[in-house]
Amino acid sequence: MSALVIKTLHITFVAMSYSLFFLRGIWMLRASPLLHQRWAKIVPHVVDTALLASAVTLAIQLSISPFDAPWLLVKIIALLIYILLGTFAIKRGKTLKIRLLAWLAAQLVFIYIVLVAIAHNPLPWQAL
């Protein structure tokens, strides 16, 4: 598969993953029973697995290592922070206020990850 196809798949999975996170956050804020449906617990993990697989495949195919590309290392670290915030936003936060703050912070981290990916720079506001 060409790098362009893999990149397109990766971007598609990014959009799907964020859309699902945003939707689940809205459901969390509204205490909607939709958040507890079986598909809403499974599909995001499937999409995120495909997202990670496409990222690893693309990095291997383009011979990009996080140790040689600081922007990629920063993106991975930010992804871990995004995942941690996401778990507090959707299920681990003890209060609605904590879940809301985690949900909002996760979205800021997501935006940062996208900007880093576009700019290939850990400080994307300097490169754009």
N, C-alpha and C. Protein backbone atom coordinates (compact mmCIF):
# COMPACT_ATOMS: atom_id res chain seq x y z
N MET A 1 0.84 -1.17 0.00
CA MET A 1 0.00 0.00 0.00
C MET A 1 0.89 1.24 0.00
N SER A 2 0.52 2.24 -0.77
CA SER A 2 1.35 3.45 -0.87
C SER A 2 1.24 4.29 0.40
N ALA A 3 2.25 5.11 0.61
CA ALA A 3 2.27 5.99 1.77
C ALA A 3 1.09 6.97 1.73
N LEU A 4 0.70 7.39 0.53
CA LEU A 4 -0.42 8.32 0.40
C LEU A 4 -1.73 7.66 0.86
N VAL A 5 -1.92 6.41 0.51
CA VAL A 5 -3.13 5.70 0.93
C VAL A 5 -3.12 5.52 2.45
N ILE A 6 -1.99 5.15 2.99
CA ILE A 6 -1.89 4.95 4.44
C ILE A 6 -2.11 6.28 5.16
N LYS A 7 -1.54 7.36 4.64
CA LYS A 7 -1.73 8.68 5.26
C LYS A 7 -3.20 9.08 5.21
N THR A 8 -3.86 8.81 4.10
CA THR A 8 -5.29 9.13 3.97
C THR A 8 -6.11 8.32 4.98
N LEU A 9 -5.79 7.03 5.11
CA LEU A 9 -6.46 6.21 6.11
C LEU A 9 -6.20 6.75 7.52
N HIS A 10 -4.97 7.11 7.78
CA HIS A 10 -4.60 7.65 9.10
C HIS A 10 -5.42 8.90 9.42
N ILE A 11 -5.49 9.81 8.48
CA ILE A 11 -6.25 11.05 8.69
C ILE A 11 -7.74 10.74 8.88
N THR A 12 -8.25 9.77 8.14
CA THR A 12 -9.64 9.35 8.30
C THR A 12 -9.88 8.80 9.70
N PHE A 13 -8.97 7.96 10.17
CA PHE A 13 -9.10 7.41 11.53
C PHE A 13 -8.97 8.49 12.59
N VAL A 14 -8.13 9.49 12.34
CA VAL A 14 -8.01 10.62 13.27
C VAL A 14 -9.37 11.32 13.39
N ALA A 15 -9.98 11.61 12.26
CA ALA A 15 -11.28 12.29 12.25
C ALA A 15 -12.35 11.45 12.94
N MET A 16 -12.35 10.16 12.66
CA MET A 16 -13.33 9.26 13.29
C MET A 16 -13.11 9.18 14.79
N SER A 17 -11.86 9.06 15.21
CA SER A 17 -11.53 8.93 16.62
C SER A 17 -11.95 10.19 17.38
N TYR A 18 -11.61 11.35 16.84
CA TYR A 18 -11.98 12.59 17.50
C TYR A 18 -13.50 12.77 17.54
N SER A 19 -14.16 12.46 16.44
CA SER A 19 -15.62 12.59 16.39
C SER A 19 -16.29 11.73 17.45
N LEU A 20 -15.81 10.51 17.59
CA LEU A 20 -16.37 9.62 18.61
C LEU A 20 -16.08 10.14 20.01
N PHE A 21 -14.86 10.66 20.24
CA PHE A 21 -14.53 11.21 21.55
C PHE A 21 -15.40 12.42 21.86
N PHE A 22 -15.58 13.29 20.89
CA PHE A 22 -16.41 14.48 21.09
C PHE A 22 -17.85 14.07 21.40
N LEU A 23 -18.39 13.15 20.62
CA LEU A 23 -19.76 12.68 20.83
C LEU A 23 -19.92 12.04 22.20
N ARG A 24 -18.99 11.18 22.57
CA ARG A 24 -19.06 10.54 23.88
C ARG A 24 -18.94 11.56 25.00
N GLY A 25 -18.18 12.63 24.79
CA GLY A 25 -18.07 13.71 25.77
C GLY A 25 -19.40 14.44 25.94
N ILE A 26 -20.08 14.71 24.84
CA ILE A 26 -21.39 15.34 24.91
C ILE A 26 -22.36 14.43 25.67
N TRP A 27 -22.34 13.16 25.35
CA TRP A 27 -23.20 12.20 26.06
C TRP A 27 -22.87 12.16 27.54
N MET A 28 -21.57 12.22 27.88
CA MET A 28 -21.15 12.21 29.28
C MET A 28 -21.71 13.44 29.99
N LEU A 29 -21.60 14.60 29.37
CA LEU A 29 -22.08 15.84 29.99
C LEU A 29 -23.59 15.83 30.19
N ARG A 30 -24.30 15.16 29.31
CA ARG A 30 -25.77 15.08 29.40
C ARG A 30 -26.25 13.86 30.17
N ALA A 31 -25.30 13.07 30.67
CA ALA A 31 -25.63 11.82 31.38
C ALA A 31 -26.54 10.94 30.53
N SER A 32 -26.23 10.87 29.25
CA SER A 32 -27.05 10.12 28.31
C SER A 32 -26.79 8.62 28.43
N PRO A 33 -27.85 7.83 28.38
CA PRO A 33 -27.67 6.38 28.38
C PRO A 33 -26.97 5.86 27.12
N LEU A 34 -26.92 6.70 26.08
CA LEU A 34 -26.24 6.30 24.84
C LEU A 34 -24.76 6.01 25.09
N LEU A 35 -24.17 6.69 26.07
CA LEU A 35 -22.76 6.49 26.40
C LEU A 35 -22.49 5.05 26.85
N HIS A 36 -23.49 4.39 27.36
CA HIS A 36 -23.31 3.05 27.91
C HIS A 36 -23.74 1.94 26.96
N GLN A 37 -24.08 2.31 25.73
CA GLN A 37 -24.41 1.28 24.74
C GLN A 37 -23.15 0.51 24.38
N ARG A 38 -23.35 -0.76 24.06
CA ARG A 38 -22.22 -1.64 23.77
C ARG A 38 -21.33 -1.10 22.65
N TRP A 39 -21.95 -0.66 21.55
CA TRP A 39 -21.16 -0.18 20.41
C TRP A 39 -20.33 1.04 20.79
N ALA A 40 -20.86 1.89 21.69
CA ALA A 40 -20.15 3.11 22.07
C ALA A 40 -18.92 2.80 22.92
N LYS A 41 -18.86 1.61 23.45
CA LYS A 41 -17.69 1.20 24.22
C LYS A 41 -16.68 0.44 23.36
N ILE A 42 -17.15 -0.19 22.28
CA ILE A 42 -16.29 -1.03 21.45
C ILE A 42 -15.72 -0.28 20.24
N VAL A 43 -16.57 0.42 19.51
CA VAL A 43 -16.15 1.07 18.26
C VAL A 43 -14.97 2.03 18.45
N PRO A 44 -14.97 2.87 19.49
CA PRO A 44 -13.81 3.76 19.64
C PRO A 44 -12.49 3.01 19.78
N HIS A 45 -12.50 1.86 20.44
CA HIS A 45 -11.27 1.07 20.58
C HIS A 45 -10.83 0.48 19.24
N VAL A 46 -11.79 0.06 18.44
CA VAL A 46 -11.48 -0.48 17.11
C VAL A 46 -10.88 0.62 16.24
N VAL A 47 -11.51 1.78 16.25
CA VAL A 47 -11.01 2.91 15.44
C VAL A 47 -9.62 3.34 15.92
N ASP A 48 -9.44 3.42 17.24
CA ASP A 48 -8.13 3.84 17.77
C ASP A 48 -7.04 2.83 17.47
N THR A 49 -7.39 1.55 17.45
CA THR A 49 -6.42 0.52 17.07
C THR A 49 -6.02 0.67 15.61
N ALA A 50 -7.00 0.92 14.76
CA ALA A 50 -6.70 1.15 13.33
C ALA A 50 -5.88 2.42 13.16
N LEU A 51 -6.17 3.44 13.95
CA LEU A 51 -5.41 4.69 13.91
C LEU A 51 -3.95 4.44 14.28
N LEU A 52 -3.74 3.72 15.35
CA LEU A 52 -2.37 3.41 15.78
C LEU A 52 -1.65 2.54 14.74
N ALA A 53 -2.34 1.56 14.20
CA ALA A 53 -1.73 0.68 13.19
C ALA A 53 -1.33 1.48 11.94
N SER A 54 -2.18 2.40 11.53
CA SER A 54 -1.85 3.21 10.36
C SER A 54 -0.67 4.13 10.65
N ALA A 55 -0.59 4.65 11.87
CA ALA A 55 0.53 5.52 12.25
C ALA A 55 1.85 4.76 12.24
N VAL A 56 1.84 3.58 12.83
CA VAL A 56 3.07 2.77 12.88
C VAL A 56 3.47 2.35 11.46
N THR A 57 2.50 1.93 10.67
CA THR A 57 2.78 1.52 9.29
C THR A 57 3.38 2.67 8.49
N LEU A 58 2.80 3.85 8.65
CA LEU A 58 3.29 5.03 7.92
C LEU A 58 4.71 5.38 8.37
N ALA A 59 4.97 5.35 9.66
CA ALA A 59 6.31 5.67 10.17
C ALA A 59 7.34 4.67 9.65
N ILE A 60 6.98 3.40 9.64
CA ILE A 60 7.90 2.37 9.13
C ILE A 60 8.14 2.56 7.64
N GLN A 61 7.06 2.77 6.91
CA GLN A 61 7.18 2.90 5.46
C GLN A 61 8.02 4.14 5.08
N LEU A 62 7.89 5.21 5.86
CA LEU A 62 8.64 6.44 5.56
C LEU A 62 9.98 6.51 6.30
N SER A 63 10.28 5.44 7.06
CA SER A 63 11.52 5.36 7.84
C SER A 63 11.68 6.55 8.80
N ILE A 64 10.60 6.86 9.49
CA ILE A 64 10.62 7.95 10.47
C ILE A 64 10.65 7.34 11.86
N SER A 65 11.64 7.72 12.63
CA SER A 65 11.77 7.24 14.01
C SER A 65 11.52 8.40 14.97
N PRO A 66 10.82 8.15 16.07
CA PRO A 66 10.61 9.23 17.04
C PRO A 66 11.92 9.73 17.65
N PHE A 67 12.96 8.92 17.57
CA PHE A 67 14.26 9.33 18.12
C PHE A 67 15.04 10.21 17.15
N ASP A 68 14.63 10.19 15.88
CA ASP A 68 15.27 11.03 14.87
C ASP A 68 14.40 12.23 14.47
N ALA A 69 13.13 12.17 14.83
CA ALA A 69 12.19 13.24 14.48
C ALA A 69 11.53 13.74 15.77
N PRO A 70 12.05 14.81 16.34
CA PRO A 70 11.52 15.31 17.61
C PRO A 70 10.01 15.58 17.58
N TRP A 71 9.50 16.03 16.44
CA TRP A 71 8.08 16.29 16.33
C TRP A 71 7.26 15.02 16.55
N LEU A 72 7.77 13.88 16.07
CA LEU A 72 7.04 12.62 16.24
C LEU A 72 7.09 12.16 17.69
N LEU A 73 8.23 12.34 18.35
CA LEU A 73 8.33 11.98 19.76
C LEU A 73 7.37 12.82 20.60
N VAL A 74 7.31 14.12 20.33
CA VAL A 74 6.40 15.01 21.05
C VAL A 74 4.95 14.62 20.78
N LYS A 75 4.67 14.25 19.55
CA LYS A 75 3.31 13.83 19.19
C LYS A 75 2.91 12.57 19.97
N ILE A 76 3.82 11.63 20.12
CA ILE A 76 3.54 10.41 20.87
C ILE A 76 3.31 10.73 22.35
N ILE A 77 4.14 11.59 22.91
CA ILE A 77 3.96 11.98 24.32
C ILE A 77 2.62 12.69 24.50
N ALA A 78 2.29 13.60 23.59
CA ALA A 78 1.01 14.30 23.66
C ALA A 78 -0.15 13.32 23.51
N LEU A 79 0.02 12.30 22.68
CA LEU A 79 -1.02 11.29 22.53
C LEU A 79 -1.27 10.56 23.85
N LEU A 80 -0.22 10.23 24.55
CA LEU A 80 -0.37 9.57 25.86
C LEU A 80 -1.12 10.47 26.84
N ILE A 81 -0.83 11.77 26.81
CA ILE A 81 -1.53 12.72 27.67
C ILE A 81 -3.00 12.80 27.27
N TYR A 82 -3.26 12.82 25.96
CA TYR A 82 -4.63 12.85 25.44
C TYR A 82 -5.41 11.62 25.91
N ILE A 83 -4.79 10.46 25.83
CA ILE A 83 -5.46 9.23 26.27
C ILE A 83 -5.76 9.29 27.77
N LEU A 84 -4.81 9.74 28.56
CA LEU A 84 -5.01 9.85 30.01
C LEU A 84 -6.15 10.82 30.32
N LEU A 85 -6.13 11.98 29.70
CA LEU A 85 -7.21 12.94 29.91
C LEU A 85 -8.55 12.37 29.45
N GLY A 86 -8.52 11.65 28.35
CA GLY A 86 -9.76 11.04 27.83
C GLY A 86 -10.37 10.05 28.79
N THR A 87 -9.53 9.27 29.46
CA THR A 87 -10.07 8.30 30.42
C THR A 87 -10.71 9.01 31.62
N PHE A 88 -10.13 10.14 32.03
CA PHE A 88 -10.75 10.90 33.11
C PHE A 88 -12.02 11.59 32.63
N ALA A 89 -12.04 12.01 31.38
CA ALA A 89 -13.22 12.68 30.84
C ALA A 89 -14.41 11.73 30.70
N ILE A 90 -14.17 10.55 30.23
CA ILE A 90 -15.28 9.65 29.92
C ILE A 90 -15.67 8.76 31.09
N LYS A 91 -14.71 8.31 31.90
CA LYS A 91 -15.12 7.39 32.96
C LYS A 91 -14.43 7.54 34.30
N ARG A 92 -13.22 7.98 34.37
CA ARG A 92 -12.50 7.98 35.64
C ARG A 92 -12.69 9.23 36.49
N GLY A 93 -13.15 10.31 35.88
CA GLY A 93 -13.36 11.55 36.63
C GLY A 93 -14.44 11.36 37.69
N LYS A 94 -14.16 11.77 38.91
CA LYS A 94 -15.09 11.55 40.03
C LYS A 94 -16.29 12.48 39.99
N THR A 95 -16.09 13.70 39.47
CA THR A 95 -17.19 14.65 39.42
C THR A 95 -17.39 15.12 37.98
N LEU A 96 -18.55 15.71 37.74
CA LEU A 96 -18.83 16.23 36.41
C LEU A 96 -17.84 17.35 36.05
N LYS A 97 -17.47 18.16 37.03
CA LYS A 97 -16.51 19.24 36.78
C LYS A 97 -15.16 18.68 36.34
N ILE A 98 -14.68 17.64 37.01
CA ILE A 98 -13.40 17.02 36.63
C ILE A 98 -13.51 16.42 35.24
N ARG A 99 -14.61 15.74 34.94
CA ARG A 99 -14.79 15.14 33.62
C ARG A 99 -14.84 16.21 32.53
N LEU A 100 -15.54 17.33 32.82
CA LEU A 100 -15.63 18.42 31.85
C LEU A 100 -14.25 19.04 31.59
N LEU A 101 -13.52 19.32 32.66
CA LEU A 101 -12.18 19.91 32.50
C LEU A 101 -11.24 18.97 31.75
N ALA A 102 -11.32 17.68 32.06
CA ALA A 102 -10.49 16.70 31.35
C ALA A 102 -10.88 16.62 29.88
N TRP A 103 -12.17 16.67 29.60
CA TRP A 103 -12.67 16.62 28.22
C TRP A 103 -12.18 17.83 27.42
N LEU A 104 -12.27 19.02 28.03
CA LEU A 104 -11.80 20.23 27.36
C LEU A 104 -10.28 20.20 27.17
N ALA A 105 -9.55 19.80 28.21
CA ALA A 105 -8.08 19.72 28.11
C ALA A 105 -7.67 18.71 27.04
N ALA A 106 -8.37 17.59 26.97
CA ALA A 106 -8.06 16.58 25.95
C ALA A 106 -8.23 17.16 24.55
N GLN A 107 -9.24 17.98 24.37
CA GLN A 107 -9.45 18.59 23.06
C GLN A 107 -8.32 19.57 22.70
N LEU A 108 -7.85 20.31 23.68
CA LEU A 108 -6.70 21.19 23.43
C LEU A 108 -5.46 20.39 23.05
N VAL A 109 -5.25 19.27 23.74
CA VAL A 109 -4.11 18.41 23.42
C VAL A 109 -4.28 17.82 22.02
N PHE A 110 -5.50 17.43 21.67
CA PHE A 110 -5.77 16.91 20.33
C PHE A 110 -5.41 17.94 19.26
N ILE A 111 -5.83 19.18 19.47
CA ILE A 111 -5.52 20.25 18.51
C ILE A 111 -4.00 20.41 18.40
N TYR A 112 -3.32 20.37 19.52
CA TYR A 112 -1.85 20.47 19.51
C TYR A 112 -1.25 19.33 18.69
N ILE A 113 -1.73 18.10 18.89
CA ILE A 113 -1.22 16.95 18.14
C ILE A 113 -1.40 17.16 16.64
N VAL A 114 -2.56 17.63 16.24
CA VAL A 114 -2.83 17.86 14.82
C VAL A 114 -1.89 18.94 14.27
N LEU A 115 -1.70 20.01 15.03
CA LEU A 115 -0.80 21.07 14.57
C LEU A 115 0.64 20.59 14.45
N VAL A 116 1.08 19.77 15.40
CA VAL A 116 2.43 19.20 15.33
C VAL A 116 2.55 18.31 14.09
N ALA A 117 1.52 17.52 13.83
CA ALA A 117 1.54 16.63 12.66
C ALA A 117 1.61 17.42 11.35
N ILE A 118 0.90 18.51 11.29
CA ILE A 118 0.90 19.34 10.08
C ILE A 118 2.24 20.05 9.90
N ALA A 119 2.74 20.64 10.99
CA ALA A 119 3.96 21.45 10.90
C ALA A 119 5.25 20.64 10.98
N HIS A 120 5.15 19.39 11.48
CA HIS A 120 6.35 18.57 11.75
C HIS A 120 7.31 19.34 12.64
N ASN A 121 6.73 19.98 13.64
CA ASN A 121 7.50 20.82 14.54
C ASN A 121 6.87 20.73 15.93
N PRO A 122 7.67 20.48 16.99
CA PRO A 122 7.11 20.42 18.35
C PRO A 122 6.51 21.75 18.81
N LEU A 123 6.92 22.85 18.16
CA LEU A 123 6.35 24.15 18.44
C LEU A 123 5.64 24.64 17.17
N PRO A 124 4.49 24.06 16.87
CA PRO A 124 3.86 24.29 15.56
C PRO A 124 3.48 25.74 15.29
N TRP A 125 3.21 26.51 16.33
CA TRP A 125 2.83 27.91 16.12
C TRP A 125 4.00 28.72 15.56
N GLN A 126 5.23 28.24 15.73
CA GLN A 126 6.39 28.92 15.15
C GLN A 126 6.55 28.57 13.67
N ALA A 127 6.10 27.38 13.31
CA ALA A 127 6.30 26.91 11.95
C ALA A 127 5.16 27.29 11.00
N LEU A 128 4.00 27.55 11.57
CA LEU A 128 2.84 27.83 10.69
C LEU A 128 2.70 29.25 10.34
